[in-house]
Amino acid sequence: MLRTTTESFFTSRAVCYYIAEKYANQGLKLIPNDLEEKAIFEQAASIEYPNFDSFCSKAVASSRSMRGVASDKAVFDALVEALSGKLDG
């Protein structure tokens, strides 16, 4: 969670965008300014979300005990295998 003076951001994507834009003039610029380059960046981010994020976030959640629920190695392994297939394909 990232809190500013007026807002709270709780998704990792929103936090990353905020930090990338806030500190754009310090070090490596993560989000391009050029219109076409920015469109390519946004397209890649849009592809990443439905194709990879659901596997990654579920794998992380299944790999650790949360709220009294034990981790599930079989679920974790299945999600990692599915993700690996997407990354290799």
PDB file of N, CA and C in Angstrom:
ATOM      1  N   MET A   1       0.850  -1.164   0.000  1.00  0.00           N
ATOM      2  CA  MET A   1       0.000   0.000   0.000  1.00  0.00           C
ATOM      3  C   MET A   1       0.899   1.231   0.000  1.00  0.00           C
ATOM      4  N   LEU A   2       0.524   2.193  -0.816  1.00  0.00           N
ATOM      5  CA  LEU A   2       1.222   3.470  -0.877  1.00  0.00           C
ATOM      6  C   LEU A   2       0.231   4.562  -0.527  1.00  0.00           C
ATOM      7  N   ARG A   3       0.577   5.361   0.449  1.00  0.00           N
ATOM      8  CA  ARG A   3      -0.293   6.476   0.844  1.00  0.00           C
ATOM      9  C   ARG A   3       0.385   7.790   0.486  1.00  0.00           C
ATOM     10  N   THR A   4      -0.371   8.652  -0.197  1.00  0.00           N
ATOM     11  CA  THR A   4       0.096  10.006  -0.460  1.00  0.00           C
ATOM     12  C   THR A   4      -0.700  10.917   0.463  1.00  0.00           C
ATOM     13  N   THR A   5      -0.574  12.203   0.285  1.00  0.00           N
ATOM     14  CA  THR A   5      -1.340  13.112   1.147  1.00  0.00           C
ATOM     15  C   THR A   5      -2.829  13.082   0.831  1.00  0.00           C
ATOM     16  N   THR A   6      -3.196  12.611  -0.386  1.00  0.00           N
ATOM     17  CA  THR A   6      -4.615  12.622  -0.762  1.00  0.00           C
ATOM     18  C   THR A   6      -5.191  11.270  -1.153  1.00  0.00           C
ATOM     19  N   GLU A   7      -4.344  10.301  -1.470  1.00  0.00           N
ATOM     20  CA  GLU A   7      -4.830   9.006  -1.971  1.00  0.00           C
ATOM     21  C   GLU A   7      -4.085   7.837  -1.342  1.00  0.00           C
ATOM     22  N   SER A   8      -4.689   6.650  -1.469  1.00  0.00           N
ATOM     23  CA  SER A   8      -4.033   5.395  -1.099  1.00  0.00           C
ATOM     24  C   SER A   8      -4.103   4.478  -2.303  1.00  0.00           C
ATOM     25  N   PHE A   9      -2.970   3.871  -2.661  1.00  0.00           N
ATOM     26  CA  PHE A   9      -2.902   2.955  -3.795  1.00  0.00           C
ATOM     27  C   PHE A   9      -2.569   1.570  -3.255  1.00  0.00           C
ATOM     28  N   PHE A  10      -3.370   0.569  -3.614  1.00  0.00           N
ATOM     29  CA  PHE A  10      -3.179  -0.752  -3.037  1.00  0.00           C
ATOM     30  C   PHE A  10      -2.795  -1.818  -4.055  1.00  0.00           C
ATOM     31  N   THR A  11      -2.893  -1.537  -5.359  1.00  0.00           N
ATOM     32  CA  THR A  11      -2.464  -2.539  -6.329  1.00  0.00           C
ATOM     33  C   THR A  11      -1.007  -2.290  -6.687  1.00  0.00           C
ATOM     34  N   SER A  12      -0.273  -3.364  -6.927  1.00  0.00           N
ATOM     35  CA  SER A  12       1.143  -3.212  -7.248  1.00  0.00           C
ATOM     36  C   SER A  12       1.340  -2.419  -8.525  1.00  0.00           C
ATOM     37  N   ARG A  13       0.444  -2.576  -9.478  1.00  0.00           N
ATOM     38  CA  ARG A  13       0.554  -1.827 -10.734  1.00  0.00           C
ATOM     39  C   ARG A  13       0.402  -0.326 -10.485  1.00  0.00           C
ATOM     40  N   ALA A  14      -0.566   0.070  -9.695  1.00  0.00           N
ATOM     41  CA  ALA A  14      -0.767   1.492  -9.395  1.00  0.00           C
ATOM     42  C   ALA A  14       0.431   2.061  -8.638  1.00  0.00           C
ATOM     43  N   VAL A  15       0.947   1.306  -7.686  1.00  0.00           N
ATOM     44  CA  VAL A  15       2.123   1.749  -6.921  1.00  0.00           C
ATOM     45  C   VAL A  15       3.319   1.928  -7.858  1.00  0.00           C
ATOM     46  N   CYS A  16       3.533   0.971  -8.745  1.00  0.00           N
ATOM     47  CA  CYS A  16       4.666   1.055  -9.682  1.00  0.00           C
ATOM     48  C   CYS A  16       4.527   2.243 -10.618  1.00  0.00           C
ATOM     49  N   TYR A  17       3.341   2.445 -11.172  1.00  0.00           N
ATOM     50  CA  TYR A  17       3.133   3.605 -12.045  1.00  0.00           C
ATOM     51  C   TYR A  17       3.385   4.908 -11.288  1.00  0.00           C
ATOM     52  N   TYR A  18       2.876   4.996 -10.083  1.00  0.00           N
ATOM     53  CA  TYR A  18       3.060   6.204  -9.284  1.00  0.00           C
ATOM     54  C   TYR A  18       4.541   6.497  -9.057  1.00  0.00           C
ATOM     55  N   ILE A  19       5.273   5.481  -8.614  1.00  0.00           N
ATOM     56  CA  ILE A  19       6.705   5.664  -8.335  1.00  0.00           C
ATOM     57  C   ILE A  19       7.472   5.994  -9.620  1.00  0.00           C
ATOM     58  N   ALA A  20       7.149   5.291 -10.713  1.00  0.00           N
ATOM     59  CA  ALA A  20       7.839   5.533 -11.988  1.00  0.00           C
ATOM     60  C   ALA A  20       7.635   6.969 -12.461  1.00  0.00           C
ATOM     61  N   GLU A  21       6.432   7.485 -12.324  1.00  0.00           N
ATOM     62  CA  GLU A  21       6.156   8.860 -12.758  1.00  0.00           C
ATOM     63  C   GLU A  21       6.707   9.889 -11.774  1.00  0.00           C
ATOM     64  N   LYS A  22       6.561   9.632 -10.495  1.00  0.00           N
ATOM     65  CA  LYS A  22       7.027  10.589  -9.496  1.00  0.00           C
ATOM     66  C   LYS A  22       8.540  10.794  -9.574  1.00  0.00           C
ATOM     67  N   TYR A  23       9.268   9.715  -9.817  1.00  0.00           N
ATOM     68  CA  TYR A  23      10.734   9.796  -9.835  1.00  0.00           C
ATOM     69  C   TYR A  23      11.297   9.664 -11.259  1.00  0.00           C
ATOM     70  N   ALA A  24      10.518  10.082 -12.249  1.00  0.00           N
ATOM     71  CA  ALA A  24      10.914   9.932 -13.654  1.00  0.00           C
ATOM     72  C   ALA A  24      12.199  10.676 -13.991  1.00  0.00           C
ATOM     73  N   ASN A  25      12.490  11.741 -13.273  1.00  0.00           N
ATOM     74  CA  ASN A  25      13.692  12.535 -13.565  1.00  0.00           C
ATOM     75  C   ASN A  25      14.909  12.080 -12.769  1.00  0.00           C
ATOM     76  N   GLN A  26      14.763  10.989 -12.045  1.00  0.00           N
ATOM     77  CA  GLN A  26      15.868  10.473 -11.239  1.00  0.00           C
ATOM     78  C   GLN A  26      16.232   9.074 -11.724  1.00  0.00           C
ATOM     79  N   GLY A  27      17.362   8.950 -12.364  1.00  0.00           N
ATOM     80  CA  GLY A  27      17.798   7.635 -12.826  1.00  0.00           C
ATOM     81  C   GLY A  27      17.109   7.223 -14.108  1.00  0.00           C
ATOM     82  N   LEU A  28      16.977   5.926 -14.302  1.00  0.00           N
ATOM     83  CA  LEU A  28      16.415   5.351 -15.515  1.00  0.00           C
ATOM     84  C   LEU A  28      14.924   5.647 -15.601  1.00  0.00           C
ATOM     85  N   LYS A  29      14.493   6.189 -16.734  1.00  0.00           N
ATOM     86  CA  LYS A  29      13.065   6.465 -16.941  1.00  0.00           C
ATOM     87  C   LYS A  29      12.365   5.166 -17.315  1.00  0.00           C
ATOM     88  N   LEU A  30      11.395   4.760 -16.548  1.00  0.00           N
ATOM     89  CA  LEU A  30      10.735   3.470 -16.736  1.00  0.00           C
ATOM     90  C   LEU A  30       9.556   3.527 -17.704  1.00  0.00           C
ATOM     91  N   ILE A  31       8.895   4.666 -17.786  1.00  0.00           N
ATOM     92  CA  ILE A  31       7.755   4.831 -18.688  1.00  0.00           C
ATOM     93  C   ILE A  31       8.141   5.870 -19.731  1.00  0.00           C
ATOM     94  N   PRO A  32       8.110   5.489 -21.019  1.00  0.00           N
ATOM     95  CA  PRO A  32       8.568   6.413 -22.058  1.00  0.00           C
ATOM     96  C   PRO A  32       7.650   7.623 -22.237  1.00  0.00           C
ATOM     97  N   ASN A  33       8.215   8.717 -22.767  1.00  0.00           N
ATOM     98  CA  ASN A  33       7.436   9.910 -23.089  1.00  0.00           C
ATOM     99  C   ASN A  33       6.933   9.890 -24.521  1.00  0.00           C
ATOM    100  N   ASP A  34       7.729   9.310 -25.427  1.00  0.00           N
ATOM    101  CA  ASP A  34       7.367   9.253 -26.839  1.00  0.00           C
ATOM    102  C   ASP A  34       6.027   8.528 -26.994  1.00  0.00           C
ATOM    103  N   LEU A  35       5.140   9.085 -27.811  1.00  0.00           N
ATOM    104  CA  LEU A  35       3.782   8.554 -27.953  1.00  0.00           C
ATOM    105  C   LEU A  35       3.770   7.090 -28.395  1.00  0.00           C
ATOM    106  N   GLU A  36       4.531   6.746 -29.439  1.00  0.00           N
ATOM    107  CA  GLU A  36       4.538   5.366 -29.914  1.00  0.00           C
ATOM    108  C   GLU A  36       5.193   4.421 -28.908  1.00  0.00           C
ATOM    109  N   GLU A  37       6.290   4.856 -28.290  1.00  0.00           N
ATOM    110  CA  GLU A  37       6.954   4.019 -27.291  1.00  0.00           C
ATOM    111  C   GLU A  37       6.054   3.787 -26.084  1.00  0.00           C
ATOM    112  N   LYS A  38       5.310   4.826 -25.698  1.00  0.00           N
ATOM    113  CA  LYS A  38       4.393   4.683 -24.566  1.00  0.00           C
ATOM    114  C   LYS A  38       3.248   3.731 -24.921  1.00  0.00           C
ATOM    115  N   ALA A  39       2.771   3.785 -26.164  1.00  0.00           N
ATOM    116  CA  ALA A  39       1.708   2.874 -26.596  1.00  0.00           C
ATOM    117  C   ALA A  39       2.207   1.431 -26.558  1.00  0.00           C
ATOM    118  N   ILE A  40       3.460   1.204 -26.979  1.00  0.00           N
ATOM    119  CA  ILE A  40       4.041  -0.139 -26.917  1.00  0.00           C
ATOM    120  C   ILE A  40       4.142  -0.600 -25.464  1.00  0.00           C
ATOM    121  N   PHE A  41       4.578   0.298 -24.592  1.00  0.00           N
ATOM    122  CA  PHE A  41       4.682  -0.018 -23.160  1.00  0.00           C
ATOM    123  C   PHE A  41       3.304  -0.392 -22.599  1.00  0.00           C
ATOM    124  N   GLU A  42       2.293   0.415 -22.891  1.00  0.00           N
ATOM    125  CA  GLU A  42       0.940   0.157 -22.379  1.00  0.00           C
ATOM    126  C   GLU A  42       0.377  -1.147 -22.943  1.00  0.00           C
ATOM    127  N   GLN A  43       0.682  -1.423 -24.206  1.00  0.00           N
ATOM    128  CA  GLN A  43       0.235  -2.675 -24.813  1.00  0.00           C
ATOM    129  C   GLN A  43       0.853  -3.870 -24.102  1.00  0.00           C
ATOM    130  N   ALA A  44       2.147  -3.788 -23.818  1.00  0.00           N
ATOM    131  CA  ALA A  44       2.828  -4.873 -23.108  1.00  0.00           C
ATOM    132  C   ALA A  44       2.245  -5.050 -21.710  1.00  0.00           C
ATOM    133  N   ALA A  45       1.976  -3.942 -21.028  1.00  0.00           N
ATOM    134  CA  ALA A  45       1.394  -4.022 -19.682  1.00  0.00           C
ATOM    135  C   ALA A  45       0.002  -4.649 -19.733  1.00  0.00           C
ATOM    136  N   SER A  46      -0.757  -4.334 -20.787  1.00  0.00           N
ATOM    137  CA  SER A  46      -2.099  -4.906 -20.925  1.00  0.00           C
ATOM    138  C   SER A  46      -2.043  -6.400 -21.203  1.00  0.00           C
ATOM    139  N   ILE A  47      -1.047  -6.834 -21.962  1.00  0.00           N
ATOM    140  CA  ILE A  47      -0.886  -8.257 -22.256  1.00  0.00           C
ATOM    141  C   ILE A  47      -0.434  -9.008 -21.009  1.00  0.00           C
ATOM    142  N   GLU A  48       0.461  -8.379 -20.254  1.00  0.00           N
ATOM    143  CA  GLU A  48       1.014  -9.014 -19.052  1.00  0.00           C
ATOM    144  C   GLU A  48      -0.077  -9.321 -18.036  1.00  0.00           C
ATOM    145  N   TYR A  49      -0.989  -8.397 -17.852  1.00  0.00           N
ATOM    146  CA  TYR A  49      -1.972  -8.551 -16.784  1.00  0.00           C
ATOM    147  C   TYR A  49      -2.805  -9.827 -16.903  1.00  0.00           C
ATOM    148  N   PRO A  50      -3.531 -10.044 -18.008  1.00  0.00           N
ATOM    149  CA  PRO A  50      -4.367 -11.260 -18.052  1.00  0.00           C
ATOM    150  C   PRO A  50      -3.588 -12.551 -18.283  1.00  0.00           C
ATOM    151  N   ASN A  51      -2.410 -12.443 -18.860  1.00  0.00           N
ATOM    152  CA  ASN A  51      -1.661 -13.649 -19.205  1.00  0.00           C
ATOM    153  C   ASN A  51      -0.723 -14.150 -18.117  1.00  0.00           C
ATOM    154  N   PHE A  52      -0.259 -13.270 -17.252  1.00  0.00           N
ATOM    155  CA  PHE A  52       0.742 -13.669 -16.262  1.00  0.00           C
ATOM    156  C   PHE A  52       0.343 -13.362 -14.817  1.00  0.00           C
ATOM    157  N   ASP A  53      -0.279 -12.227 -14.599  1.00  0.00           N
ATOM    158  CA  ASP A  53      -0.556 -11.791 -13.229  1.00  0.00           C
ATOM    159  C   ASP A  53      -1.434 -12.763 -12.463  1.00  0.00           C
ATOM    160  N   SER A  54      -2.456 -13.292 -13.114  1.00  0.00           N
ATOM    161  CA  SER A  54      -3.364 -14.184 -12.377  1.00  0.00           C
ATOM    162  C   SER A  54      -2.633 -15.429 -11.880  1.00  0.00           C
ATOM    163  N   PHE A  55      -1.694 -15.936 -12.677  1.00  0.00           N
ATOM    164  CA  PHE A  55      -0.916 -17.100 -12.245  1.00  0.00           C
ATOM    165  C   PHE A  55       0.051 -16.721 -11.124  1.00  0.00           C
ATOM    166  N   CYS A  56       0.737 -15.588 -11.297  1.00  0.00           N
ATOM    167  CA  CYS A  56       1.738 -15.169 -10.297  1.00  0.00           C
ATOM    168  C   CYS A  56       1.100 -14.866  -8.955  1.00  0.00           C
ATOM    169  N   SER A  57       0.042 -14.062  -8.955  1.00  0.00           N
ATOM    170  CA  SER A  57      -0.565 -13.676  -7.680  1.00  0.00           C
ATOM    171  C   SER A  57      -1.177 -14.873  -6.963  1.00  0.00           C
ATOM    172  N   LYS A  58      -1.800 -15.777  -7.703  1.00  0.00           N
ATOM    173  CA  LYS A  58      -2.368 -16.979  -7.076  1.00  0.00           C
ATOM    174  C   LYS A  58      -1.266 -17.905  -6.566  1.00  0.00           C
ATOM    175  N   ALA A  59      -0.148 -18.003  -7.315  1.00  0.00           N
ATOM    176  CA  ALA A  59       0.962 -18.848  -6.872  1.00  0.00           C
ATOM    177  C   ALA A  59       1.555 -18.313  -5.575  1.00  0.00           C
ATOM    178  N   VAL A  60       1.735 -16.997  -5.504  1.00  0.00           N
ATOM    179  CA  VAL A  60       2.273 -16.401  -4.270  1.00  0.00           C
ATOM    180  C   VAL A  60       1.320 -16.660  -3.109  1.00  0.00           C
ATOM    181  N   ALA A  61       0.036 -16.454  -3.344  1.00  0.00           N
ATOM    182  CA  ALA A  61      -0.949 -16.668  -2.276  1.00  0.00           C
ATOM    183  C   ALA A  61      -0.987 -18.124  -1.823  1.00  0.00           C
ATOM    184  N   SER A  62      -0.840 -19.069  -2.755  1.00  0.00           N
ATOM    185  CA  SER A  62      -0.921 -20.480  -2.379  1.00  0.00           C
ATOM    186  C   SER A  62       0.373 -20.989  -1.758  1.00  0.00           C
ATOM    187  N   SER A  63       1.453 -20.205  -1.881  1.00  0.00           N
ATOM    188  CA  SER A  63       2.740 -20.676  -1.371  1.00  0.00           C
ATOM    189  C   SER A  63       2.986 -20.334   0.091  1.00  0.00           C
ATOM    190  N   ARG A  64       2.094 -19.589   0.690  1.00  0.00           N
ATOM    191  CA  ARG A  64       2.309 -19.223   2.096  1.00  0.00           C
ATOM    192  C   ARG A  64       1.017 -19.355   2.889  1.00  0.00           C
ATOM    193  N   SER A  65       1.166 -19.588   4.161  1.00  0.00           N
ATOM    194  CA  SER A  65       0.010 -19.687   5.032  1.00  0.00           C
ATOM    195  C   SER A  65      -0.547 -18.298   5.271  1.00  0.00           C
ATOM    196  N   MET A  66      -1.844 -18.179   5.072  1.00  0.00           N
ATOM    197  CA  MET A  66      -2.497 -16.879   5.274  1.00  0.00           C
ATOM    198  C   MET A  66      -3.793 -17.088   6.029  1.00  0.00           C
ATOM    199  N   ARG A  67      -4.042 -16.271   7.009  1.00  0.00           N
ATOM    200  CA  ARG A  67      -5.293 -16.286   7.764  1.00  0.00           C
ATOM    201  C   ARG A  67      -5.655 -17.680   8.256  1.00  0.00           C
ATOM    202  N   GLY A  68      -4.652 -18.387   8.705  1.00  0.00           N
ATOM    203  CA  GLY A  68      -4.898 -19.701   9.268  1.00  0.00           C
ATOM    204  C   GLY A  68      -5.071 -20.813   8.252  1.00  0.00           C
ATOM    205  N   VAL A  69      -4.957 -20.502   6.966  1.00  0.00           N
ATOM    206  CA  VAL A  69      -5.082 -21.514   5.923  1.00  0.00           C
ATOM    207  C   VAL A  69      -3.673 -21.931   5.490  1.00  0.00           C
ATOM    208  N   ALA A  70      -3.424 -23.224   5.513  1.00  0.00           N
ATOM    209  CA  ALA A  70      -2.097 -23.728   5.164  1.00  0.00           C
ATOM    210  C   ALA A  70      -1.818 -23.533   3.680  1.00  0.00           C
ATOM    211  N   SER A  71      -0.537 -23.456   3.354  1.00  0.00           N
ATOM    212  CA  SER A  71      -0.146 -23.340   1.942  1.00  0.00           C
ATOM    213  C   SER A  71      -0.479 -24.637   1.214  1.00  0.00           C
ATOM    214  N   ASP A  72      -0.630 -24.535  -0.101  1.00  0.00           N
ATOM    215  CA  ASP A  72      -1.004 -25.703  -0.897  1.00  0.00           C
ATOM    216  C   ASP A  72       0.022 -25.892  -2.008  1.00  0.00           C
ATOM    217  N   LYS A  73       0.984 -26.802  -1.777  1.00  0.00           N
ATOM    218  CA  LYS A  73       2.076 -27.013  -2.729  1.00  0.00           C
ATOM    219  C   LYS A  73       1.576 -27.506  -4.080  1.00  0.00           C
ATOM    220  N   ALA A  74       0.555 -28.340  -4.096  1.00  0.00           N
ATOM    221  CA  ALA A  74       0.030 -28.860  -5.365  1.00  0.00           C
ATOM    222  C   ALA A  74      -0.541 -27.726  -6.218  1.00  0.00           C
ATOM    223  N   VAL A  75      -1.277 -26.815  -5.588  1.00  0.00           N
ATOM    224  CA  VAL A  75      -1.827 -25.663  -6.310  1.00  0.00           C
ATOM    225  C   VAL A  75      -0.689 -24.786  -6.810  1.00  0.00           C
ATOM    226  N   PHE A  76       0.291 -24.534  -5.942  1.00  0.00           N
ATOM    227  CA  PHE A  76       1.444 -23.721  -6.322  1.00  0.00           C
ATOM    228  C   PHE A  76       2.153 -24.327  -7.529  1.00  0.00           C
ATOM    229  N   ASP A  77       2.446 -25.618  -7.466  1.00  0.00           N
ATOM    230  CA  ASP A  77       3.157 -26.289  -8.560  1.00  0.00           C
ATOM    231  C   ASP A  77       2.369 -26.216  -9.868  1.00  0.00           C
ATOM    232  N   ALA A  78       1.059 -26.393  -9.808  1.00  0.00           N
ATOM    233  CA  ALA A  78       0.223 -26.336 -11.013  1.00  0.00           C
ATOM    234  C   ALA A  78       0.233 -24.929 -11.619  1.00  0.00           C
ATOM    235  N   LEU A  79       0.177 -23.905 -10.778  1.00  0.00           N
ATOM    236  CA  LEU A  79       0.196 -22.528 -11.264  1.00  0.00           C
ATOM    237  C   LEU A  79       1.544 -22.166 -11.875  1.00  0.00           C
ATOM    238  N   VAL A  80       2.613 -22.603 -11.239  1.00  0.00           N
ATOM    239  CA  VAL A  80       3.957 -22.338 -11.770  1.00  0.00           C
ATOM    240  C   VAL A  80       4.127 -23.061 -13.109  1.00  0.00           C
ATOM    241  N   GLU A  81       3.622 -24.271 -13.214  1.00  0.00           N
ATOM    242  CA  GLU A  81       3.719 -25.011 -14.467  1.00  0.00           C
ATOM    243  C   GLU A  81       2.949 -24.290 -15.571  1.00  0.00           C
ATOM    244  N   ALA A  82       1.734 -23.797 -15.264  1.00  0.00           N
ATOM    245  CA  ALA A  82       0.943 -23.052 -16.249  1.00  0.00           C
ATOM    246  C   ALA A  82       1.653 -21.769 -16.653  1.00  0.00           C
ATOM    247  N   LEU A  83       2.217 -21.072 -15.689  1.00  0.00           N
ATOM    248  CA  LEU A  83       2.948 -19.842 -15.981  1.00  0.00           C
ATOM    249  C   LEU A  83       4.175 -20.132 -16.837  1.00  0.00           C
ATOM    250  N   SER A  84       4.879 -21.191 -16.515  1.00  0.00           N
ATOM    251  CA  SER A  84       6.066 -21.579 -17.287  1.00  0.00           C
ATOM    252  C   SER A  84       5.683 -21.832 -18.752  1.00  0.00           C
ATOM    253  N   GLY A  85       4.543 -22.467 -18.969  1.00  0.00           N
ATOM    254  CA  GLY A  85       4.078 -22.708 -20.318  1.00  0.00           C
ATOM    255  C   GLY A  85       3.825 -21.421 -21.081  1.00  0.00           C
ATOM    256  N   LYS A  86       3.277 -20.432 -20.399  1.00  0.00           N
ATOM    257  CA  LYS A  86       3.049 -19.142 -21.039  1.00  0.00           C
ATOM    258  C   LYS A  86       4.365 -18.428 -21.340  1.00  0.00           C
ATOM    259  N   LEU A  87       5.308 -18.516 -20.412  1.00  0.00           N
ATOM    260  CA  LEU A  87       6.591 -17.842 -20.622  1.00  0.00           C
ATOM    261  C   LEU A  87       7.401 -18.517 -21.733  1.00  0.00           C
ATOM    262  N   ASP A  88       7.298 -19.842 -21.818  1.00  0.00           N
ATOM    263  CA  ASP A  88       8.034 -20.572 -22.850  1.00  0.00           C
ATOM    264  C   ASP A  88       7.373 -20.459 -24.212  1.00  0.00           C
ATOM    265  N   GLY A  89       6.048 -20.229 -24.221  1.00  0.00           N
ATOM    266  CA  GLY A  89       5.302 -20.230 -25.478  1.00  0.00           C
ATOM    267  C   GLY A  89       5.360 -18.941 -26.159  1.00  0.00           C
TER     268      GLY A  89
END
